[in-house]
Amino acid sequence: MARPLSMMLIGAAICWFLGGTLNRPATADPTPDSTKQSSPTESTKIALVDVGRIFKGSKQFERMRSSLQVEIKDSEETAKQMHAEILQMGKRYKELERGSEEQKELEVQLKRKQAEFEEFKKETTRRFKKEESAVFLKIFQQVTKEVANYAQAHHIDLVMRHNPEPFDTEDIATQMQYMNKMILFENKLDITDEIIAAMSDQ
């Protein structure tokens, strides 16, 4: 017996729908992944620190830098003595008979003293720059450690550096540095005092 026309049309429609669905390319789920989660993630907590002010408020940094300043002052005194000796030798050199053996001998000594003086200045400058860099690095490592401890204790996700101090409007380099700073506005996000207090307890 022939099928009713209505049943044939329904069967054809079902085949067309299934065929179209199976042959259609897969598309991304329009529903965002965030809506599939049970709850959205919490907002990121951010804090700011003025590293320069932390250095100024660090007693350990002040002690280490003062000790270095004493060494620098001692080396400056040594350099002054060496320079005075060279000047004295130069004065004596001019008083000697031109071309005499004594003048020639003194000339050799004078050149040696001048070379020693230049080497002393070069070496002390290099050494003190290295020691000063080591002081800054040590304190900075302590700062980053205290910042990390404070951030973890207060569930802060990101801590950024900033410098809220006013800038010199007459200095072009300072103006450019000010205009290139990342933090343009903050509202009670500064934790500098807390970090200074934490480092003072050590």
Foldseek 3Di string as FASTA:
>chain_A
DDDDPVVVVVVVVVVVVVVCVVPDDDDDDPPDPQVVDPHHDDDAFEFEEAVVVLCVLFPVLVVLVVVLVVVVVVLVVVLVVLVVVLVVLVVVLVVDDPPDPVSVVSVVVSVVSVVVSVVSVVVVVVVSVVSNVVSVVVVVVLLVVLVVVVCVVVVHDYYYYDDPDDFDPVDPVRVVVVVPDDDPDDDPRYCHVVSSVVSVVD
